[in-house]
């Protein structure tokens, strides 16, 4: 049974993927935000490049910054965006 979640992509992540949001049915094996990232990378290019493990990337679950270990749930929102820099 799949879990329906909402995905959002911001700033350079959105620009490189060419998409700002989508709804996705993730497999039961996808249980955390980090799993969502890995699952999206399995789509191939450009996903695997933009969301690659080790790439500087911030993640949020239901509008709150989170670590990759944060557990997802049906109807949640997972967002990906580059780290904010300033000066």
C-alpha atoms as a PDB file:
ATOM      1  CA  UNK A   1       0.000   0.000   0.000  1.00  0.00           C
ATOM      2  CA  UNK A   2       1.404   3.412  -0.950  1.00  0.00           C
ATOM      3  CA  UNK A   3       1.381   6.617   1.061  1.00  0.00           C
ATOM      4  CA  UNK A   4       0.234   9.824  -0.657  1.00  0.00           C
ATOM      5  CA  UNK A   5       2.422  12.808   0.221  1.00  0.00           C
ATOM      6  CA  UNK A   6       2.880  16.327  -1.107  1.00  0.00           C
ATOM      7  CA  UNK A   7       6.291  17.405  -2.379  1.00  0.00           C
ATOM      8  CA  UNK A   8       7.494  20.981  -2.719  1.00  0.00           C
ATOM      9  CA  UNK A   9      10.699  22.260  -4.280  1.00  0.00           C
ATOM     10  CA  UNK A  10      12.105  25.763  -3.810  1.00  0.00           C
ATOM     11  CA  UNK A  11      14.690  28.153  -5.310  1.00  0.00           C
ATOM     12  CA  UNK A  12      17.504  26.495  -7.307  1.00  0.00           C
ATOM     13  CA  UNK A  13      16.104  23.018  -6.586  1.00  0.00           C
ATOM     14  CA  UNK A  14      12.830  24.028  -8.265  1.00  0.00           C
ATOM     15  CA  UNK A  15      14.683  25.644 -11.176  1.00  0.00           C
ATOM     16  CA  UNK A  16      16.870  22.596 -11.835  1.00  0.00           C
ATOM     17  CA  UNK A  17      13.991  20.119 -11.565  1.00  0.00           C
ATOM     18  CA  UNK A  18      11.553  22.276 -13.527  1.00  0.00           C
ATOM     19  CA  UNK A  19       8.768  21.594 -11.019  1.00  0.00           C
ATOM     20  CA  UNK A  20       7.591  23.387  -7.877  1.00  0.00           C
ATOM     21  CA  UNK A  21       5.259  20.776  -6.388  1.00  0.00           C
ATOM     22  CA  UNK A  22       3.648  17.412  -6.928  1.00  0.00           C
ATOM     23  CA  UNK A  23       1.650  14.767  -5.131  1.00  0.00           C
ATOM     24  CA  UNK A  24       3.327  11.373  -4.991  1.00  0.00           C
ATOM     25  CA  UNK A  25       2.396   7.880  -3.885  1.00  0.00           C
ATOM     26  CA  UNK A  26       5.518   6.596  -2.177  1.00  0.00           C
ATOM     27  CA  UNK A  27       5.992   2.882  -1.490  1.00  0.00           C
ATOM     28  CA  UNK A  28       5.678   1.529   2.064  1.00  0.00           C
ATOM     29  CA  UNK A  29       9.461   1.160   2.223  1.00  0.00           C
ATOM     30  CA  UNK A  30       9.716   4.983   2.154  1.00  0.00           C
ATOM     31  CA  UNK A  31       9.263   5.950   5.812  1.00  0.00           C
ATOM     32  CA  UNK A  32      11.453   9.012   6.408  1.00  0.00           C
ATOM     33  CA  UNK A  33      12.304  12.300   4.700  1.00  0.00           C
ATOM     34  CA  UNK A  34      15.700  10.800   3.840  1.00  0.00           C
ATOM     35  CA  UNK A  35      13.919   7.834   2.245  1.00  0.00           C
ATOM     36  CA  UNK A  36      11.831  10.274   0.174  1.00  0.00           C
ATOM     37  CA  UNK A  37      15.036  11.937  -1.033  1.00  0.00           C
ATOM     38  CA  UNK A  38      16.578   8.567  -2.006  1.00  0.00           C
ATOM     39  CA  UNK A  39      13.337   7.472  -3.691  1.00  0.00           C
ATOM     40  CA  UNK A  40      13.251  10.680  -5.747  1.00  0.00           C
ATOM     41  CA  UNK A  41      16.909  10.160  -6.734  1.00  0.00           C
ATOM     42  CA  UNK A  42      15.962   6.731  -8.085  1.00  0.00           C
ATOM     43  CA  UNK A  43      13.977   8.537 -10.808  1.00  0.00           C
ATOM     44  CA  UNK A  44      17.294   9.282 -12.542  1.00  0.00           C
ATOM     45  CA  UNK A  45      18.433  12.627 -13.957  1.00  0.00           C
ATOM     46  CA  UNK A  46      17.907  15.429 -13.063  1.00  0.00           C
ATOM     47  CA  UNK A  47      16.582  14.112  -9.718  1.00  0.00           C
ATOM     48  CA  UNK A  48      19.656  12.043  -8.910  1.00  0.00           C
ATOM     49  CA  UNK A  49      21.945  15.027  -9.464  1.00  0.00           C
ATOM     50  CA  UNK A  50      19.882  17.746  -7.757  1.00  0.00           C
ATOM     51  CA  UNK A  51      18.946  15.677  -4.684  1.00  0.00           C
ATOM     52  CA  UNK A  52      22.136  13.574  -4.478  1.00  0.00           C
ATOM     53  CA  UNK A  53      23.262  12.373  -1.062  1.00  0.00           C
ATOM     54  CA  UNK A  54      26.066  14.601   0.200  1.00  0.00           C
ATOM     55  CA  UNK A  55      24.742  17.634  -1.667  1.00  0.00           C
ATOM     56  CA  UNK A  56      23.952  20.626   0.560  1.00  0.00           C
ATOM     57  CA  UNK A  57      20.183  20.538   0.860  1.00  0.00           C
ATOM     58  CA  UNK A  58      17.667  21.590   3.497  1.00  0.00           C
ATOM     59  CA  UNK A  59      14.514  19.595   4.152  1.00  0.00           C
ATOM     60  CA  UNK A  60      11.260  20.342   5.917  1.00  0.00           C
ATOM     61  CA  UNK A  61       8.359  18.189   7.044  1.00  0.00           C
ATOM     62  CA  UNK A  62       5.002  19.913   7.413  1.00  0.00           C
ATOM     63  CA  UNK A  63       6.612  23.388   7.360  1.00  0.00           C
ATOM     64  CA  UNK A  64       9.282  22.600   9.985  1.00  0.00           C
ATOM     65  CA  UNK A  65      12.978  22.071   9.304  1.00  0.00           C
ATOM     66  CA  UNK A  66      13.893  18.436   9.872  1.00  0.00           C
ATOM     67  CA  UNK A  67      16.606  15.840   9.717  1.00  0.00           C
ATOM     68  CA  UNK A  68      16.539  12.961   7.217  1.00  0.00           C
ATOM     69  CA  UNK A  69      15.336  10.628   9.983  1.00  0.00           C
ATOM     70  CA  UNK A  70      12.010  12.490  10.393  1.00  0.00           C
ATOM     71  CA  UNK A  71       9.142  10.060   9.767  1.00  0.00           C
ATOM     72  CA  UNK A  72       6.610  10.877   7.066  1.00  0.00           C
ATOM     73  CA  UNK A  73       2.876  10.189   7.239  1.00  0.00           C
ATOM     74  CA  UNK A  74      -0.017  10.145   4.793  1.00  0.00           C
ATOM     75  CA  UNK A  75      -0.890  13.660   3.639  1.00  0.00           C
ATOM     76  CA  UNK A  76       2.338  15.234   4.890  1.00  0.00           C
ATOM     77  CA  UNK A  77       4.292  17.872   3.016  1.00  0.00           C
ATOM     78  CA  UNK A  78       7.994  17.299   2.349  1.00  0.00           C
ATOM     79  CA  UNK A  79       9.981  20.253   1.029  1.00  0.00           C
ATOM     80  CA  UNK A  80      13.495  20.498  -0.385  1.00  0.00           C
ATOM     81  CA  UNK A  81      15.505  23.689  -0.824  1.00  0.00           C
ATOM     82  CA  UNK A  82      19.114  24.883  -0.889  1.00  0.00           C
ATOM     83  CA  UNK A  83      20.729  26.222   2.277  1.00  0.00           C
ATOM     84  CA  UNK A  84      20.221  29.948   2.736  1.00  0.00           C
ATOM     85  CA  UNK A  85      23.335  32.077   2.540  1.00  0.00           C
ATOM     86  CA  UNK A  86      23.598  35.726   3.338  1.00  0.00           C
ATOM     87  CA  UNK A  87      26.021  38.472   3.857  1.00  0.00           C
END
